[in-house]
Amino acid sequence: MRLHSSSSATTPQKEICETTVTDDGKAQVLCTISNDDDRASLWSEVAIKAAKQFTISQREKLKDLGALDIKRPIRIIGKPVSEVCGMGDCVVDYESDGASIMSDSDTKIVHFQRHGQGYYNLICDMWREAGKPIDFDSSDPNLNPVVRPEFLDPPLTALGMQQCSSQRKLCSTLSPELVIVSPMLRCIQTAKLSFRDHVGRVPWISHEGCREELGLLVGNKRRSISDIRADYPEIDFSPIKYDEDVLWDQYGDRRETLLEKSDRIYKFLTEYVRTRPEKEIAIVCHSAYLFTLLNAVMDIEEEELRSWFLTSEVRSLQMTFIN
């Protein structure tokens, strides 16, 4: 287990920028924020408390729907690849774990990362700090702020970029042969900051199968693929069928249910991830998606793997498919 944490809470932040040239000859400036703060300070008490509450409430919802007991044709077993997990760090130690895992033909190492704090998360935290409950099933913006049209495909906040930059050192020690990202802007920005040392070294692919729940919440509606591709030409968007967000639109004024989301995740893992030739993959996606994946789709015993992700958190696991 490699833990990467910082030491001083008073060391000033430094922004480090590098200019690179893309394949089409365009200059691209990538900046990261470097500091020596305790990484735990990147998550507010409100955010940590919310993650703990979501772990309890969302698991109860999954249980009540019977989503925790569904038997599917292919079992997907998840096991930790580290004996010790710290806040935001739960990744493979290749010296002790990698060789035995990689020898199994139906097993992969997957590095899951939740995106950093986006404006979607910020406004929700502000409501919680003010003691205002959020009804995520309501279409009334006075009860549910993330149905406002201004929240279309929101980017990372400054804190979100700092969180993701803080994960760069950890992610540079990983060895993914493929990076898969949700087409949502906050996930693409997260991957570009945290996994930037793998840009140009391995394929980068965007897939609808790992995006957040569909319908109602405008914060989960993406821009057109043509617009996104213009900003990120180095990412392969070919697995995405529609230019406009047809998948989100088809749900109208309702949210994708947890059972529908579970089925979409299962299809993504068994029909796409499993069939990829790469043995080690990074997937940058979303919190509710990850919680459903780890609790309702995969068979996992360890609680530290199944709990709600903090923003920008990285967890590595061994994923085995059994017919």
C-alpha atoms as a PDB file:
ATOM      1  CA  MET A   1       0.000   0.000   0.000  1.00  0.00           C
ATOM      2  CA  ARG A   2       1.339   3.388  -0.937  1.00  0.00           C
ATOM      3  CA  LEU A   3      -0.032   6.287   1.049  1.00  0.00           C
ATOM      4  CA  HIS A   4       0.627   9.766  -0.273  1.00  0.00           C
ATOM      5  CA  SER A   5      -0.278  12.442   2.238  1.00  0.00           C
ATOM      6  CA  SER A   6       1.138  15.869   2.914  1.00  0.00           C
ATOM      7  CA  SER A   7       2.539  17.360   6.059  1.00  0.00           C
ATOM      8  CA  SER A   8       2.090  21.064   6.707  1.00  0.00           C
ATOM      9  CA  ALA A   9      -1.201  22.948   6.877  1.00  0.00           C
ATOM     10  CA  THR A  10       0.538  26.288   6.463  1.00  0.00           C
ATOM     11  CA  THR A  11       2.614  25.739   3.348  1.00  0.00           C
ATOM     12  CA  PRO A  12       1.371  28.028   0.571  1.00  0.00           C
ATOM     13  CA  GLN A  13      -0.097  26.578  -2.593  1.00  0.00           C
ATOM     14  CA  LYS A  14       1.870  26.687  -5.829  1.00  0.00           C
ATOM     15  CA  GLU A  15       0.352  26.456  -9.271  1.00  0.00           C
ATOM     16  CA  ILE A  16       2.564  24.582 -11.723  1.00  0.00           C
ATOM     17  CA  CYS A  17       1.727  24.934 -15.411  1.00  0.00           C
ATOM     18  CA  GLU A  18       3.163  23.057 -18.367  1.00  0.00           C
ATOM     19  CA  THR A  19       2.616  23.694 -22.062  1.00  0.00           C
ATOM     20  CA  THR A  20       2.255  20.653 -24.286  1.00  0.00           C
ATOM     21  CA  VAL A  21       1.448  20.233 -27.961  1.00  0.00           C
ATOM     22  CA  THR A  22      -1.447  17.988 -28.961  1.00  0.00           C
ATOM     23  CA  ASP A  23      -1.432  15.635 -31.935  1.00  0.00           C
ATOM     24  CA  ASP A  24      -3.163  18.245 -34.093  1.00  0.00           C
ATOM     25  CA  GLY A  25      -0.475  20.828 -33.336  1.00  0.00           C
ATOM     26  CA  LYS A  26      -2.420  22.907 -30.827  1.00  0.00           C
ATOM     27  CA  ALA A  27      -0.780  24.250 -27.682  1.00  0.00           C
ATOM     28  CA  GLN A  28      -2.361  23.078 -24.454  1.00  0.00           C
ATOM     29  CA  VAL A  29      -1.628  24.422 -20.996  1.00  0.00           C
ATOM     30  CA  LEU A  30      -2.133  22.050 -18.065  1.00  0.00           C
ATOM     31  CA  CYS A  31      -1.913  23.385 -14.530  1.00  0.00           C
ATOM     32  CA  THR A  32      -1.823  21.595 -11.205  1.00  0.00           C
ATOM     33  CA  ILE A  33      -1.842  22.949  -7.690  1.00  0.00           C
ATOM     34  CA  SER A  34       0.921  21.738  -5.422  1.00  0.00           C
ATOM     35  CA  ASN A  35       0.880  22.161  -1.680  1.00  0.00           C
ATOM     36  CA  ASP A  36       1.861  20.292   1.428  1.00  0.00           C
ATOM     37  CA  ASP A  37      -1.473  20.532   3.224  1.00  0.00           C
ATOM     38  CA  ASP A  38      -2.875  17.556   5.027  1.00  0.00           C
ATOM     39  CA  ARG A  39      -4.990  15.984   2.293  1.00  0.00           C
ATOM     40  CA  ALA A  40      -7.820  15.402   4.748  1.00  0.00           C
ATOM     41  CA  SER A  41      -8.352  19.172   4.794  1.00  0.00           C
ATOM     42  CA  LEU A  42      -9.525  18.981   1.186  1.00  0.00           C
ATOM     43  CA  TRP A  43     -12.823  17.518   2.371  1.00  0.00           C
ATOM     44  CA  SER A  44     -15.105  19.591   4.615  1.00  0.00           C
ATOM     45  CA  GLU A  45     -16.805  18.121   7.637  1.00  0.00           C
ATOM     46  CA  VAL A  46     -20.110  18.646   5.835  1.00  0.00           C
ATOM     47  CA  ALA A  47     -18.899  16.588   2.860  1.00  0.00           C
ATOM     48  CA  ILE A  48     -17.526  13.797   5.067  1.00  0.00           C
ATOM     49  CA  LYS A  49     -20.739  13.695   7.110  1.00  0.00           C
ATOM     50  CA  ALA A  50     -22.829  13.602   3.934  1.00  0.00           C
ATOM     51  CA  ALA A  51     -20.776  10.663   2.604  1.00  0.00           C
ATOM     52  CA  LYS A  52     -21.381   8.711   5.819  1.00  0.00           C
ATOM     53  CA  GLN A  53     -25.106   9.489   5.713  1.00  0.00           C
ATOM     54  CA  PHE A  54     -25.360   8.509   2.048  1.00  0.00           C
ATOM     55  CA  THR A  55     -23.654   5.192   2.815  1.00  0.00           C
ATOM     56  CA  ILE A  56     -26.475   4.372   5.235  1.00  0.00           C
ATOM     57  CA  SER A  57     -29.447   5.883   3.386  1.00  0.00           C
ATOM     58  CA  GLN A  58     -28.547   4.651  -0.100  1.00  0.00           C
ATOM     59  CA  ARG A  59     -27.855   1.131   1.114  1.00  0.00           C
ATOM     60  CA  GLU A  60     -31.269   1.103   2.779  1.00  0.00           C
ATOM     61  CA  LYS A  61     -32.867   2.211  -0.503  1.00  0.00           C
ATOM     62  CA  LEU A  62     -31.056  -0.537  -2.396  1.00  0.00           C
ATOM     63  CA  LYS A  63     -32.141  -3.070   0.217  1.00  0.00           C
ATOM     64  CA  ASP A  64     -35.788  -1.966   0.142  1.00  0.00           C
ATOM     65  CA  LEU A  65     -35.838  -2.288  -3.660  1.00  0.00           C
ATOM     66  CA  GLY A  66     -34.349  -5.767  -3.505  1.00  0.00           C
ATOM     67  CA  ALA A  67     -31.339  -4.557  -5.482  1.00  0.00           C
ATOM     68  CA  LEU A  68     -28.882  -6.167  -3.054  1.00  0.00           C
ATOM     69  CA  ASP A  69     -30.253  -9.673  -3.708  1.00  0.00           C
ATOM     70  CA  ILE A  70     -30.430  -9.803  -7.500  1.00  0.00           C
ATOM     71  CA  LYS A  71     -28.788 -12.892  -8.995  1.00  0.00           C
ATOM     72  CA  ARG A  72     -27.281 -12.256 -12.405  1.00  0.00           C
ATOM     73  CA  PRO A  73     -25.800 -14.699 -14.949  1.00  0.00           C
ATOM     74  CA  ILE A  74     -22.294 -13.396 -14.390  1.00  0.00           C
ATOM     75  CA  ARG A  75     -21.002 -12.787 -10.884  1.00  0.00           C
ATOM     76  CA  ILE A  76     -18.537  -9.949 -10.462  1.00  0.00           C
ATOM     77  CA  ILE A  77     -16.378 -10.444  -7.392  1.00  0.00           C
ATOM     78  CA  GLY A  78     -14.491  -7.504  -5.931  1.00  0.00           C
ATOM     79  CA  LYS A  79     -11.580  -7.807  -3.532  1.00  0.00           C
ATOM     80  CA  PRO A  80      -9.204  -5.221  -2.066  1.00  0.00           C
ATOM     81  CA  VAL A  81      -5.666  -5.051  -3.393  1.00  0.00           C
ATOM     82  CA  SER A  82      -4.314  -3.331  -0.287  1.00  0.00           C
ATOM     83  CA  GLU A  83      -4.317  -4.301   3.363  1.00  0.00           C
ATOM     84  CA  VAL A  84      -4.570  -0.715   4.576  1.00  0.00           C
ATOM     85  CA  CYS A  85      -6.687   2.107   3.191  1.00  0.00           C
ATOM     86  CA  GLY A  86      -6.380   5.777   4.132  1.00  0.00           C
ATOM     87  CA  MET A  87      -8.643   8.688   3.326  1.00  0.00           C
ATOM     88  CA  GLY A  88      -8.630   9.090  -0.430  1.00  0.00           C
ATOM     89  CA  ASP A  89      -5.956   6.406  -0.899  1.00  0.00           C
ATOM     90  CA  CYS A  90      -6.728   2.729  -1.347  1.00  0.00           C
ATOM     91  CA  VAL A  91      -4.559   1.520  -4.202  1.00  0.00           C
ATOM     92  CA  VAL A  92      -2.611  -1.530  -5.299  1.00  0.00           C
ATOM     93  CA  ASP A  93       0.882  -2.348  -4.103  1.00  0.00           C
ATOM     94  CA  TYR A  94       2.366  -3.949  -7.210  1.00  0.00           C
ATOM     95  CA  GLU A  95       5.312  -5.471  -5.350  1.00  0.00           C
ATOM     96  CA  SER A  96       3.106  -7.627  -3.135  1.00  0.00           C
ATOM     97  CA  ASP A  97      -0.186  -7.917  -5.038  1.00  0.00           C
ATOM     98  CA  GLY A  98       0.239  -7.300  -8.736  1.00  0.00           C
ATOM     99  CA  ALA A  99       1.801 -10.512 -10.040  1.00  0.00           C
ATOM    100  CA  SER A 100      -0.769 -12.947  -8.632  1.00  0.00           C
ATOM    101  CA  ILE A 101      -3.697 -10.809  -9.750  1.00  0.00           C
ATOM    102  CA  MET A 102      -2.466 -10.289 -13.289  1.00  0.00           C
ATOM    103  CA  SER A 103      -1.991 -14.026 -13.852  1.00  0.00           C
ATOM    104  CA  ASP A 104      -5.759 -14.683 -13.747  1.00  0.00           C
ATOM    105  CA  SER A 105      -7.210 -14.364 -17.250  1.00  0.00           C
ATOM    106  CA  ASP A 106     -10.693 -13.342 -16.030  1.00  0.00           C
ATOM    107  CA  THR A 107      -9.489 -10.847 -13.434  1.00  0.00           C
ATOM    108  CA  LYS A 108      -8.627  -7.194 -13.844  1.00  0.00           C
ATOM    109  CA  ILE A 109      -7.307  -4.453 -11.605  1.00  0.00           C
ATOM    110  CA  VAL A 110      -9.605  -1.459 -11.756  1.00  0.00           C
ATOM    111  CA  HIS A 111      -8.772   1.944 -10.308  1.00  0.00           C
ATOM    112  CA  PHE A 112     -12.023   3.775  -9.638  1.00  0.00           C
ATOM    113  CA  GLN A 113     -11.990   7.506  -9.037  1.00  0.00           C
ATOM    114  CA  ARG A 114     -14.858   9.804  -8.201  1.00  0.00           C
ATOM    115  CA  HIS A 115     -14.619  13.255  -9.778  1.00  0.00           C
ATOM    116  CA  GLY A 116     -13.458  16.213  -7.691  1.00  0.00           C
ATOM    117  CA  GLN A 117     -15.837  18.771  -6.238  1.00  0.00           C
ATOM    118  CA  GLY A 118     -18.013  20.250  -8.975  1.00  0.00           C
ATOM    119  CA  TYR A 119     -20.339  23.213  -8.734  1.00  0.00           C
ATOM    120  CA  TYR A 120     -23.126  20.643  -8.425  1.00  0.00           C
ATOM    121  CA  ASN A 121     -21.532  19.399  -5.187  1.00  0.00           C
ATOM    122  CA  LEU A 122     -20.721  22.890  -3.941  1.00  0.00           C
ATOM    123  CA  ILE A 123     -24.294  24.171  -4.094  1.00  0.00           C
ATOM    124  CA  CYS A 124     -25.562  21.013  -2.384  1.00  0.00           C
ATOM    125  CA  ASP A 125     -22.990  21.423   0.407  1.00  0.00           C
ATOM    126  CA  MET A 126     -24.041  25.071   0.782  1.00  0.00           C
ATOM    127  CA  TRP A 127     -27.673  24.027   1.170  1.00  0.00           C
ATOM    128  CA  ARG A 128     -26.698  21.428   3.775  1.00  0.00           C
ATOM    129  CA  GLU A 129     -24.594  23.961   5.672  1.00  0.00           C
ATOM    130  CA  ALA A 130     -27.639  26.244   5.730  1.00  0.00           C
ATOM    131  CA  GLY A 131     -29.774  23.404   7.062  1.00  0.00           C
ATOM    132  CA  LYS A 132     -31.902  23.234   3.916  1.00  0.00           C
ATOM    133  CA  PRO A 133     -33.026  19.716   2.897  1.00  0.00           C
ATOM    134  CA  ILE A 134     -32.730  18.767  -0.776  1.00  0.00           C
ATOM    135  CA  ASP A 135     -35.429  16.756  -2.502  1.00  0.00           C
ATOM    136  CA  PHE A 136     -33.575  15.226  -5.437  1.00  0.00           C
ATOM    137  CA  ASP A 137     -36.845  13.850  -6.858  1.00  0.00           C
ATOM    138  CA  SER A 138     -38.471  17.285  -7.097  1.00  0.00           C
ATOM    139  CA  SER A 139     -38.550  19.359 -10.274  1.00  0.00           C
ATOM    140  CA  ASP A 140     -38.987  22.536  -8.178  1.00  0.00           C
ATOM    141  CA  PRO A 141     -35.677  24.476  -8.060  1.00  0.00           C
ATOM    142  CA  ASN A 142     -36.691  25.855  -4.659  1.00  0.00           C
ATOM    143  CA  LEU A 143     -36.559  22.298  -3.317  1.00  0.00           C
ATOM    144  CA  ASN A 144     -33.915  20.853  -5.640  1.00  0.00           C
ATOM    145  CA  PRO A 145     -31.219  23.283  -6.859  1.00  0.00           C
ATOM    146  CA  VAL A 146     -29.656  20.927  -9.412  1.00  0.00           C
ATOM    147  CA  VAL A 147     -32.663  21.004 -11.729  1.00  0.00           C
ATOM    148  CA  ARG A 148     -31.815  24.589 -12.667  1.00  0.00           C
ATOM    149  CA  PRO A 149     -30.743  24.925 -16.334  1.00  0.00           C
ATOM    150  CA  GLU A 150     -27.543  26.715 -15.255  1.00  0.00           C
ATOM    151  CA  PHE A 151     -26.239  23.400 -13.903  1.00  0.00           C
ATOM    152  CA  LEU A 152     -25.884  21.795 -17.338  1.00  0.00           C
ATOM    153  CA  ASP A 153     -22.680  19.710 -17.289  1.00  0.00           C
ATOM    154  CA  PRO A 154     -20.993  21.717 -14.494  1.00  0.00           C
ATOM    155  CA  PRO A 155     -17.178  21.954 -14.233  1.00  0.00           C
ATOM    156  CA  LEU A 156     -14.945  21.469 -11.217  1.00  0.00           C
ATOM    157  CA  THR A 157     -14.630  24.202  -8.617  1.00  0.00           C
ATOM    158  CA  ALA A 158     -11.231  25.581  -7.610  1.00  0.00           C
ATOM    159  CA  LEU A 159     -11.311  23.187  -4.645  1.00  0.00           C
ATOM    160  CA  GLY A 160     -12.247  20.346  -6.966  1.00  0.00           C
ATOM    161  CA  MET A 161      -9.204  21.050  -9.134  1.00  0.00           C
ATOM    162  CA  GLN A 162      -7.027  21.134  -6.007  1.00  0.00           C
ATOM    163  CA  GLN A 163      -8.441  17.795  -4.852  1.00  0.00           C
ATOM    164  CA  CYS A 164      -7.712  16.179  -8.216  1.00  0.00           C
ATOM    165  CA  SER A 165      -4.235  17.682  -8.435  1.00  0.00           C
ATOM    166  CA  SER A 166      -3.513  16.257  -4.988  1.00  0.00           C
ATOM    167  CA  GLN A 167      -4.163  12.777  -6.420  1.00  0.00           C
ATOM    168  CA  ARG A 168      -1.647  13.163  -9.247  1.00  0.00           C
ATOM    169  CA  LYS A 169       1.301  11.749  -7.308  1.00  0.00           C
ATOM    170  CA  LEU A 170      -0.695   8.703  -6.269  1.00  0.00           C
ATOM    171  CA  CYS A 171      -2.101   8.126  -9.764  1.00  0.00           C
ATOM    172  CA  SER A 172       1.360   8.443 -11.304  1.00  0.00           C
ATOM    173  CA  THR A 173       2.358   5.298  -9.376  1.00  0.00           C
ATOM    174  CA  LEU A 174      -0.463   3.306 -10.966  1.00  0.00           C
ATOM    175  CA  SER A 175      -0.109   1.465 -14.268  1.00  0.00           C
ATOM    176  CA  PRO A 176      -3.430   1.581 -16.121  1.00  0.00           C
ATOM    177  CA  GLU A 177      -3.314   0.385 -19.718  1.00  0.00           C
ATOM    178  CA  LEU A 178      -6.539   2.274 -20.425  1.00  0.00           C
ATOM    179  CA  VAL A 179      -8.332   5.295 -18.935  1.00  0.00           C
ATOM    180  CA  ILE A 180     -12.137   5.328 -19.236  1.00  0.00           C
ATOM    181  CA  VAL A 181     -13.968   8.528 -18.360  1.00  0.00           C
ATOM    182  CA  SER A 182     -17.589   9.527 -18.046  1.00  0.00           C
ATOM    183  CA  PRO A 183     -18.432  12.124 -20.731  1.00  0.00           C
ATOM    184  CA  MET A 184     -19.398  14.620 -18.010  1.00  0.00           C
ATOM    185  CA  LEU A 185     -17.038  17.618 -17.852  1.00  0.00           C
ATOM    186  CA  ARG A 186     -16.235  17.227 -14.147  1.00  0.00           C
ATOM    187  CA  CYS A 187     -14.986  13.677 -14.780  1.00  0.00           C
ATOM    188  CA  ILE A 188     -12.903  14.605 -17.812  1.00  0.00           C
ATOM    189  CA  GLN A 189     -11.304  17.476 -15.880  1.00  0.00           C
ATOM    190  CA  THR A 190     -10.658  15.139 -12.940  1.00  0.00           C
ATOM    191  CA  ALA A 191      -8.963  12.518 -15.096  1.00  0.00           C
ATOM    192  CA  LYS A 192      -6.824  15.110 -16.876  1.00  0.00           C
ATOM    193  CA  LEU A 193      -5.533  16.408 -13.527  1.00  0.00           C
ATOM    194  CA  SER A 194      -5.162  13.155 -11.579  1.00  0.00           C
ATOM    195  CA  PHE A 195      -4.036  10.835 -14.401  1.00  0.00           C
ATOM    196  CA  ARG A 196      -2.204  13.476 -16.442  1.00  0.00           C
ATOM    197  CA  ASP A 197       1.035  11.479 -16.339  1.00  0.00           C
ATOM    198  CA  HIS A 198      -0.769   8.834 -18.407  1.00  0.00           C
ATOM    199  CA  VAL A 199      -1.935  11.264 -21.109  1.00  0.00           C
ATOM    200  CA  GLY A 200      -0.440  10.210 -24.447  1.00  0.00           C
ATOM    201  CA  ARG A 201       0.872   6.954 -22.976  1.00  0.00           C
ATOM    202  CA  VAL A 202      -2.328   4.878 -22.971  1.00  0.00           C
ATOM    203  CA  PRO A 203      -5.694   5.116 -24.752  1.00  0.00           C
ATOM    204  CA  TRP A 204      -8.326   7.441 -23.266  1.00  0.00           C
ATOM    205  CA  ILE A 205     -11.940   6.513 -23.976  1.00  0.00           C
ATOM    206  CA  SER A 206     -15.248   8.060 -22.923  1.00  0.00           C
ATOM    207  CA  HIS A 207     -18.261   5.819 -22.374  1.00  0.00           C
ATOM    208  CA  GLU A 208     -21.899   6.475 -21.432  1.00  0.00           C
ATOM    209  CA  GLY A 209     -21.906   3.300 -19.357  1.00  0.00           C
ATOM    210  CA  CYS A 210     -20.035   4.971 -16.490  1.00  0.00           C
ATOM    211  CA  ARG A 211     -21.900   8.270 -16.308  1.00  0.00           C
ATOM    212  CA  GLU A 212     -24.091   9.349 -13.403  1.00  0.00           C
ATOM    213  CA  GLU A 213     -27.802   8.603 -13.139  1.00  0.00           C
ATOM    214  CA  LEU A 214     -29.981   9.833 -16.006  1.00  0.00           C
ATOM    215  CA  GLY A 215     -32.980  12.146 -16.063  1.00  0.00           C
ATOM    216  CA  LEU A 216     -34.349  15.174 -14.172  1.00  0.00           C
ATOM    217  CA  LEU A 217     -31.094  16.430 -12.585  1.00  0.00           C
ATOM    218  CA  VAL A 218     -29.632  18.928 -15.048  1.00  0.00           C
ATOM    219  CA  GLY A 219     -26.262  18.576 -13.333  1.00  0.00           C
ATOM    220  CA  ASN A 220     -26.116  15.069 -14.840  1.00  0.00           C
ATOM    221  CA  LYS A 221     -26.988  16.156 -18.383  1.00  0.00           C
ATOM    222  CA  ARG A 222     -23.997  16.384 -20.744  1.00  0.00           C
ATOM    223  CA  ARG A 223     -23.219  18.737 -23.588  1.00  0.00           C
ATOM    224  CA  SER A 224     -23.181  17.491 -27.159  1.00  0.00           C
ATOM    225  CA  ILE A 225     -20.323  15.141 -27.982  1.00  0.00           C
ATOM    226  CA  SER A 226     -19.245  17.400 -30.839  1.00  0.00           C
ATOM    227  CA  ASP A 227     -18.741  20.244 -28.355  1.00  0.00           C
ATOM    228  CA  ILE A 228     -16.918  18.026 -25.858  1.00  0.00           C
ATOM    229  CA  ARG A 229     -14.707  16.500 -28.555  1.00  0.00           C
ATOM    230  CA  ALA A 230     -13.719  19.983 -29.719  1.00  0.00           C
ATOM    231  CA  ASP A 231     -12.364  20.665 -26.217  1.00  0.00           C
ATOM    232  CA  TYR A 232     -10.792  17.218 -25.734  1.00  0.00           C
ATOM    233  CA  PRO A 233      -9.746  15.838 -29.150  1.00  0.00           C
ATOM    234  CA  GLU A 234      -7.308  13.416 -27.520  1.00  0.00           C
ATOM    235  CA  ILE A 235     -10.178  11.387 -26.015  1.00  0.00           C
ATOM    236  CA  ASP A 236     -11.929   8.697 -28.074  1.00  0.00           C
ATOM    237  CA  PHE A 237     -15.703   9.275 -27.920  1.00  0.00           C
ATOM    238  CA  SER A 238     -16.569   6.636 -30.530  1.00  0.00           C
ATOM    239  CA  PRO A 239     -18.357   4.300 -28.047  1.00  0.00           C
ATOM    240  CA  ILE A 240     -20.998   7.027 -27.543  1.00  0.00           C
ATOM    241  CA  LYS A 241     -23.840   6.563 -30.018  1.00  0.00           C
ATOM    242  CA  TYR A 242     -25.629   9.917 -29.906  1.00  0.00           C
ATOM    243  CA  ASP A 243     -24.252  13.438 -30.288  1.00  0.00           C
ATOM    244  CA  GLU A 244     -26.996  15.007 -28.179  1.00  0.00           C
ATOM    245  CA  ASP A 245     -27.853  13.614 -24.761  1.00  0.00           C
ATOM    246  CA  VAL A 246     -30.611  11.247 -25.866  1.00  0.00           C
ATOM    247  CA  LEU A 247     -30.119   8.934 -22.887  1.00  0.00           C
ATOM    248  CA  TRP A 248     -30.784  11.704 -20.362  1.00  0.00           C
ATOM    249  CA  ASP A 249     -33.692  13.148 -22.363  1.00  0.00           C
ATOM    250  CA  GLN A 250     -35.579   9.860 -22.575  1.00  0.00           C
ATOM    251  CA  TYR A 251     -36.242   9.888 -18.830  1.00  0.00           C
ATOM    252  CA  GLY A 252     -38.102  13.181 -18.989  1.00  0.00           C
ATOM    253  CA  ASP A 253     -39.008  14.549 -15.555  1.00  0.00           C
ATOM    254  CA  ARG A 254     -38.020  11.440 -13.625  1.00  0.00           C
ATOM    255  CA  ARG A 255     -34.711  10.053 -12.405  1.00  0.00           C
ATOM    256  CA  GLU A 256     -33.258   6.770 -13.536  1.00  0.00           C
ATOM    257  CA  THR A 257     -34.180   4.265 -10.823  1.00  0.00           C
ATOM    258  CA  LEU A 258     -31.573   2.407  -8.800  1.00  0.00           C
ATOM    259  CA  LEU A 259     -32.590  -0.862 -10.475  1.00  0.00           C
ATOM    260  CA  GLU A 260     -32.277   0.684 -13.942  1.00  0.00           C
ATOM    261  CA  LYS A 261     -28.891   2.083 -12.984  1.00  0.00           C
ATOM    262  CA  SER A 262     -27.794  -1.315 -11.664  1.00  0.00           C
ATOM    263  CA  ASP A 263     -28.703  -2.940 -14.971  1.00  0.00           C
ATOM    264  CA  ARG A 264     -26.790  -0.272 -16.925  1.00  0.00           C
ATOM    265  CA  ILE A 265     -23.719  -0.741 -14.735  1.00  0.00           C
ATOM    266  CA  TYR A 266     -23.865  -4.534 -15.064  1.00  0.00           C
ATOM    267  CA  LYS A 267     -24.051  -4.237 -18.849  1.00  0.00           C
ATOM    268  CA  PHE A 268     -21.105  -1.831 -18.909  1.00  0.00           C
ATOM    269  CA  LEU A 269     -18.925  -4.103 -16.772  1.00  0.00           C
ATOM    270  CA  THR A 270     -19.792  -7.419 -18.431  1.00  0.00           C
ATOM    271  CA  GLU A 271     -20.106  -6.304 -22.054  1.00  0.00           C
ATOM    272  CA  TYR A 272     -17.438  -3.607 -22.207  1.00  0.00           C
ATOM    273  CA  VAL A 273     -14.936  -3.678 -19.353  1.00  0.00           C
ATOM    274  CA  ARG A 274     -14.690  -7.473 -19.288  1.00  0.00           C
ATOM    275  CA  THR A 275     -14.140  -7.705 -23.036  1.00  0.00           C
ATOM    276  CA  ARG A 276     -11.369  -5.111 -23.137  1.00  0.00           C
ATOM    277  CA  PRO A 277      -7.933  -6.674 -23.655  1.00  0.00           C
ATOM    278  CA  GLU A 278      -6.337  -4.469 -20.970  1.00  0.00           C
ATOM    279  CA  LYS A 279      -5.707  -6.089 -17.595  1.00  0.00           C
ATOM    280  CA  GLU A 280      -5.496  -2.846 -15.656  1.00  0.00           C
ATOM    281  CA  ILE A 281      -7.968  -0.009 -16.195  1.00  0.00           C
ATOM    282  CA  ALA A 282      -8.719   3.360 -14.599  1.00  0.00           C
ATOM    283  CA  ILE A 283     -12.370   4.460 -14.561  1.00  0.00           C
ATOM    284  CA  VAL A 284     -13.213   8.035 -13.568  1.00  0.00           C
ATOM    285  CA  CYS A 285     -16.884   8.480 -12.810  1.00  0.00           C
ATOM    286  CA  HIS A 286     -19.440   9.437 -10.119  1.00  0.00           C
ATOM    287  CA  SER A 287     -20.413   8.810  -6.495  1.00  0.00           C
ATOM    288  CA  ALA A 288     -23.978   7.463  -6.751  1.00  0.00           C
ATOM    289  CA  TYR A 289     -22.900   5.367  -9.723  1.00  0.00           C
ATOM    290  CA  LEU A 290     -19.950   3.927  -7.802  1.00  0.00           C
ATOM    291  CA  PHE A 291     -22.015   3.218  -4.705  1.00  0.00           C
ATOM    292  CA  THR A 292     -24.561   1.264  -6.753  1.00  0.00           C
ATOM    293  CA  LEU A 293     -21.762  -0.584  -8.581  1.00  0.00           C
ATOM    294  CA  LEU A 294     -19.967  -1.620  -5.394  1.00  0.00           C
ATOM    295  CA  ASN A 295     -23.089  -2.528  -3.409  1.00  0.00           C
ATOM    296  CA  ALA A 296     -25.690  -3.793  -5.866  1.00  0.00           C
ATOM    297  CA  VAL A 297     -23.723  -5.075  -8.885  1.00  0.00           C
ATOM    298  CA  MET A 298     -20.477  -6.485  -7.498  1.00  0.00           C
ATOM    299  CA  ASP A 299     -20.076  -8.977  -4.664  1.00  0.00           C
ATOM    300  CA  ILE A 300     -17.787  -7.265  -2.143  1.00  0.00           C
ATOM    301  CA  GLU A 301     -17.390  -8.047   1.550  1.00  0.00           C
ATOM    302  CA  GLU A 302     -15.033  -5.271   2.658  1.00  0.00           C
ATOM    303  CA  GLU A 303     -16.864  -2.216   3.962  1.00  0.00           C
ATOM    304  CA  GLU A 304     -14.015   0.169   3.130  1.00  0.00           C
ATOM    305  CA  LEU A 305     -14.559  -0.612  -0.556  1.00  0.00           C
ATOM    306  CA  ARG A 306     -18.355  -0.307  -0.428  1.00  0.00           C
ATOM    307  CA  SER A 307     -18.742   3.037   1.357  1.00  0.00           C
ATOM    308  CA  TRP A 308     -19.637   6.313  -0.372  1.00  0.00           C
ATOM    309  CA  PHE A 309     -16.715   7.923  -2.233  1.00  0.00           C
ATOM    310  CA  LEU A 310     -15.418  11.329  -1.239  1.00  0.00           C
ATOM    311  CA  THR A 311     -14.757  13.748  -4.099  1.00  0.00           C
ATOM    312  CA  SER A 312     -11.576  12.800  -6.033  1.00  0.00           C
ATOM    313  CA  GLU A 313     -11.097   9.633  -3.958  1.00  0.00           C
ATOM    314  CA  VAL A 314      -9.297   6.717  -5.629  1.00  0.00           C
ATOM    315  CA  ARG A 315      -9.856   3.039  -4.821  1.00  0.00           C
ATOM    316  CA  SER A 316      -8.232   0.087  -6.537  1.00  0.00           C
ATOM    317  CA  LEU A 317      -9.815  -3.336  -6.494  1.00  0.00           C
ATOM    318  CA  GLN A 318      -9.472  -6.753  -8.022  1.00  0.00           C
ATOM    319  CA  MET A 319     -12.453  -7.503 -10.284  1.00  0.00           C
ATOM    320  CA  THR A 320     -13.134 -11.126 -11.221  1.00  0.00           C
ATOM    321  CA  PHE A 321     -15.886 -12.276 -13.602  1.00  0.00           C
ATOM    322  CA  ILE A 322     -17.408 -15.711 -12.950  1.00  0.00           C
ATOM    323  CA  ASN A 323     -19.903 -17.321 -15.347  1.00  0.00           C
END
